Amino acid sequence: MPKFAANLSMLFTEAPFLDRFALAREAGFDGVEFLFPYACEAQQITERLRRHQLELVLHNLPPGDWAAGDRGMACDPRRVEEFRAGVALGLEYATELGTPRLHCMAGIVPPGLDPARARDTYLDNLRYAADQCRPHGIALMIEPINHFDMPGYFLNHSWQARELITASGCDNVFLQYDIYHMQRMEGELVNTIRANLPLIGHMQLADTPGRHEPGTGEINYRFLFQQLDAMGYQGWIGCEYVPQGDTASGLRWRAALTA
């Protein structure tokens, strides 16, 4: 049976962020993830993790100005120094929180930028971030995101991520495979996951259309979970979806689709 982690940026939003850790434990989660911890003191989050005996499995490096539309900056050659400062801040939090994986968002390609230069900048930044993460035993994740939800995002396909991981030459860069995004971009979920399994360091889920909980859309999650077990996937799957109603009542899918 897969190991599910509650994404506290998406689930239990009925409560303030720091109160969501207790709600995740009450709902039976052993692991949590979230997009960004930077609005809180690291010690506040550490205390919640310890109090509720939760494992933090992932968070993102700083994305830039999220409210202004930034979705990372790793492909933008104008922002290399800002990116490196973000890596330092992300590692400061990750080492305090015990985070084993950091997601490096590629960012939206600036208008007019040569795609080859965006790729070169992204690779240079990946190598830098991976080198900074390695002494701490932290894996760096890259995640293809669908271009319907995030137009202009640099990284959209699993094959593209695989090529970049190989080109990086880094042994601690892995694919963050989001089932929702890849269903929208590629389909062929089982075969694609099987082909990329050695590179997959983390997974996330939501159904489509709507990005709601499993069982609300077109993805056959019962079959997919069985296939993941058969493949021997041992990692976490982050529940990164928008509940149709309140979070707790929407969690019935876990028992319904994994029995």
Foldseek 3Di string as FASTA:
>chain_A
DAQEAEALQAAPPVDPSLVVLQVCLVLPHQEYEYADDVVDDLVSNLVSCVVSNHHYAEYEQDQPPVVVPGRRCQLPPVCLVVLVVSLVVVVVSCLSNVHQEYEHFLIFDPPPDDLVSSLVSNLVSVLVSLVVCVVVNHAYEYEAAACVVPPRGSHHAPVVLVVSVVVSVHPRYAYAAEPASCCVVPNPVLVVCLVRVVRHPEYEYAEPDPQEHPPPHDDLQLVVVVSCVVSVDHHYYYHRGHYPDHRSVSPPCVVVRPD
